[in-house]
Amino acid sequence: NKAISRIIVDVRQNNIFVIVPIPKPHATDEELEALLPAIHKFLSNENLNFSFNAFQRQGNTCWVSKGNLKK
């Protein structure tokens, strides 16, 4: 899916930002929204040193999740 291939992972010191751009077609947007919990679970399982927030929508541009380094 093209929407998944455009995910941006921004790593800055003790934080990871995962940015998922919202696709223009409405049907694709709904499919992507349904996949976000699975993406969140995958991120959490693959990065055990970080705790990730649930994805939050940022207007009409993207979904964002922030991971903080566990202490």
N, C-alpha and C. Protein backbone atom coordinates (compact mmCIF):
# COMPACT_ATOMS: atom_id res chain seq x y z
N ASN A 1 0.85 -1.17 0.00
CA ASN A 1 0.00 0.00 0.00
C ASN A 1 0.89 1.24 0.00
N LYS A 2 0.60 2.19 -0.87
CA LYS A 2 1.41 3.40 -0.98
C LYS A 2 1.36 4.24 0.29
N ALA A 3 0.22 4.23 0.99
CA ALA A 3 0.10 5.04 2.21
C ALA A 3 1.10 4.58 3.27
N ILE A 4 1.27 3.29 3.42
CA ILE A 4 2.20 2.76 4.42
C ILE A 4 3.64 3.06 4.03
N SER A 5 3.93 3.06 2.74
CA SER A 5 5.30 3.29 2.30
C SER A 5 5.77 4.72 2.55
N ARG A 6 4.87 5.62 2.88
CA ARG A 6 5.22 7.02 3.11
C ARG A 6 5.36 7.39 4.59
N ILE A 7 5.37 6.39 5.46
CA ILE A 7 5.52 6.66 6.89
C ILE A 7 6.90 7.26 7.14
N ILE A 8 6.95 8.25 8.02
CA ILE A 8 8.21 8.92 8.38
C ILE A 8 8.52 8.58 9.84
N VAL A 9 9.74 8.16 10.10
CA VAL A 9 10.19 7.90 11.47
C VAL A 9 11.29 8.91 11.76
N ASP A 10 11.05 9.76 12.75
CA ASP A 10 11.97 10.83 13.13
C ASP A 10 12.55 10.50 14.51
N VAL A 11 13.84 10.23 14.58
CA VAL A 11 14.49 9.88 15.83
C VAL A 11 15.29 11.08 16.31
N ARG A 12 14.98 11.53 17.52
CA ARG A 12 15.69 12.67 18.12
C ARG A 12 16.01 12.35 19.56
N GLN A 13 17.26 12.14 19.85
CA GLN A 13 17.76 11.83 21.18
C GLN A 13 16.92 10.74 21.84
N ASN A 14 16.08 11.05 22.81
CA ASN A 14 15.31 10.04 23.54
C ASN A 14 13.88 9.92 23.05
N ASN A 15 13.56 10.47 21.90
CA ASN A 15 12.20 10.43 21.37
C ASN A 15 12.18 9.88 19.95
N ILE A 16 11.11 9.19 19.64
CA ILE A 16 10.84 8.73 18.28
C ILE A 16 9.47 9.27 17.89
N PHE A 17 9.38 9.92 16.76
CA PHE A 17 8.11 10.38 16.23
C PHE A 17 7.79 9.55 15.00
N VAL A 18 6.61 8.97 14.96
CA VAL A 18 6.16 8.20 13.80
C VAL A 18 5.04 9.01 13.16
N ILE A 19 5.25 9.42 11.91
CA ILE A 19 4.32 10.29 11.21
C ILE A 19 3.76 9.53 10.02
N VAL A 20 2.45 9.39 9.98
CA VAL A 20 1.77 8.67 8.90
C VAL A 20 0.93 9.69 8.12
N PRO A 21 1.35 10.05 6.92
CA PRO A 21 0.56 10.99 6.13
C PRO A 21 -0.82 10.42 5.80
N ILE A 22 -1.83 11.28 5.83
CA ILE A 22 -3.19 10.86 5.50
C ILE A 22 -3.36 10.91 3.99
N PRO A 23 -3.75 9.78 3.39
CA PRO A 23 -3.95 9.77 1.94
C PRO A 23 -5.19 10.56 1.54
N LYS A 24 -5.21 11.06 0.31
CA LYS A 24 -6.34 11.87 -0.16
C LYS A 24 -7.62 11.07 -0.37
N PRO A 25 -7.58 9.86 -0.97
CA PRO A 25 -8.83 9.12 -1.15
C PRO A 25 -9.44 8.72 0.19
N HIS A 26 -10.72 8.99 0.37
CA HIS A 26 -11.39 8.75 1.64
C HIS A 26 -11.37 7.27 2.02
N ALA A 27 -11.58 6.38 1.07
CA ALA A 27 -11.59 4.95 1.37
C ALA A 27 -10.23 4.49 1.88
N THR A 28 -9.17 4.99 1.29
CA THR A 28 -7.82 4.63 1.73
C THR A 28 -7.56 5.17 3.13
N ASP A 29 -8.06 6.36 3.42
CA ASP A 29 -7.91 6.96 4.75
C ASP A 29 -8.57 6.07 5.80
N GLU A 30 -9.76 5.57 5.51
CA GLU A 30 -10.46 4.70 6.46
C GLU A 30 -9.71 3.38 6.67
N GLU A 31 -9.16 2.82 5.60
CA GLU A 31 -8.39 1.59 5.72
C GLU A 31 -7.14 1.81 6.56
N LEU A 32 -6.47 2.92 6.33
CA LEU A 32 -5.26 3.24 7.09
C LEU A 32 -5.61 3.44 8.56
N GLU A 33 -6.69 4.13 8.84
CA GLU A 33 -7.10 4.36 10.23
C GLU A 33 -7.36 3.04 10.94
N ALA A 34 -7.91 2.07 10.23
CA ALA A 34 -8.15 0.75 10.82
C ALA A 34 -6.85 0.01 11.11
N LEU A 35 -5.78 0.32 10.37
CA LEU A 35 -4.49 -0.33 10.57
C LEU A 35 -3.64 0.30 11.67
N LEU A 36 -3.97 1.50 12.09
CA LEU A 36 -3.13 2.21 13.07
C LEU A 36 -2.93 1.44 14.37
N PRO A 37 -3.96 0.78 14.94
CA PRO A 37 -3.69 0.00 16.16
C PRO A 37 -2.66 -1.12 15.94
N ALA A 38 -2.70 -1.76 14.77
CA ALA A 38 -1.73 -2.81 14.47
C ALA A 38 -0.33 -2.22 14.31
N ILE A 39 -0.24 -1.06 13.68
CA ILE A 39 1.05 -0.38 13.52
C ILE A 39 1.60 0.00 14.90
N HIS A 40 0.73 0.51 15.76
CA HIS A 40 1.14 0.90 17.12
C HIS A 40 1.65 -0.32 17.89
N LYS A 41 0.95 -1.44 17.78
CA LYS A 41 1.37 -2.67 18.47
C LYS A 41 2.72 -3.15 17.94
N PHE A 42 2.90 -3.10 16.63
CA PHE A 42 4.17 -3.50 16.03
C PHE A 42 5.32 -2.62 16.53
N LEU A 43 5.10 -1.30 16.55
CA LEU A 43 6.14 -0.38 17.04
C LEU A 43 6.51 -0.69 18.48
N SER A 44 5.50 -0.92 19.30
CA SER A 44 5.73 -1.19 20.72
C SER A 44 6.50 -2.50 20.92
N ASN A 45 6.16 -3.52 20.13
CA ASN A 45 6.83 -4.81 20.26
C ASN A 45 8.26 -4.80 19.72
N GLU A 46 8.53 -4.00 18.71
CA GLU A 46 9.85 -3.95 18.09
C GLU A 46 10.81 -3.00 18.82
N ASN A 47 10.27 -2.08 19.60
CA ASN A 47 11.09 -1.08 20.30
C ASN A 47 10.76 -1.13 21.78
N LEU A 48 11.24 -2.15 22.45
CA LEU A 48 10.87 -2.38 23.85
C LEU A 48 11.40 -1.31 24.80
N ASN A 49 12.40 -0.55 24.40
CA ASN A 49 12.95 0.50 25.26
C ASN A 49 12.14 1.80 25.20
N PHE A 50 11.11 1.84 24.35
CA PHE A 50 10.30 3.04 24.18
C PHE A 50 8.85 2.75 24.49
N SER A 51 8.16 3.73 25.05
CA SER A 51 6.71 3.64 25.24
C SER A 51 6.06 4.61 24.26
N PHE A 52 5.15 4.11 23.44
CA PHE A 52 4.53 4.90 22.38
C PHE A 52 3.13 5.34 22.77
N ASN A 53 2.81 6.60 22.48
CA ASN A 53 1.45 7.10 22.64
C ASN A 53 0.60 6.53 21.51
N ALA A 54 -0.71 6.54 21.71
CA ALA A 54 -1.62 6.16 20.63
C ALA A 54 -1.51 7.20 19.52
N PHE A 55 -1.82 6.80 18.30
CA PHE A 55 -1.78 7.75 17.19
C PHE A 55 -2.85 8.82 17.37
N GLN A 56 -2.48 10.05 17.10
CA GLN A 56 -3.43 11.16 17.15
C GLN A 56 -3.40 11.87 15.81
N ARG A 57 -4.58 12.24 15.35
CA ARG A 57 -4.69 12.90 14.05
C ARG A 57 -4.30 14.37 14.19
N GLN A 58 -3.48 14.83 13.25
CA GLN A 58 -3.05 16.23 13.21
C GLN A 58 -3.72 16.89 12.00
N GLY A 59 -4.92 17.39 12.19
CA GLY A 59 -5.65 18.03 11.11
C GLY A 59 -5.93 17.07 9.97
N ASN A 60 -5.78 17.54 8.75
CA ASN A 60 -6.01 16.70 7.57
C ASN A 60 -4.71 16.24 6.94
N THR A 61 -3.60 16.33 7.69
CA THR A 61 -2.32 16.02 7.07
C THR A 61 -1.72 14.69 7.50
N CYS A 62 -1.79 14.34 8.80
CA CYS A 62 -1.10 13.13 9.23
C CYS A 62 -1.60 12.62 10.58
N TRP A 63 -1.22 11.37 10.87
CA TRP A 63 -1.37 10.75 12.17
C TRP A 63 0.02 10.74 12.82
N VAL A 64 0.10 11.03 14.12
CA VAL A 64 1.40 11.10 14.80
C VAL A 64 1.37 10.27 16.08
N SER A 65 2.45 9.52 16.31
CA SER A 65 2.66 8.81 17.58
C SER A 65 4.05 9.17 18.06
N LYS A 66 4.18 9.41 19.35
CA LYS A 66 5.47 9.76 19.92
C LYS A 66 5.91 8.65 20.87
N GLY A 67 7.15 8.22 20.71
CA GLY A 67 7.73 7.23 21.60
C GLY A 67 8.77 7.87 22.49
N ASN A 68 8.65 7.63 23.79
CA ASN A 68 9.60 8.16 24.76
C ASN A 68 10.45 7.02 25.30
N LEU A 69 11.73 7.27 25.51
CA LEU A 69 12.63 6.28 26.07
C LEU A 69 12.19 5.95 27.49
N LYS A 70 12.05 4.65 27.79
CA LYS A 70 11.69 4.24 29.15
C LYS A 70 12.90 4.40 30.04
N LYS A 71 12.66 4.77 31.28
CA LYS A 71 13.77 4.95 32.23
C LYS A 71 13.89 3.79 33.15
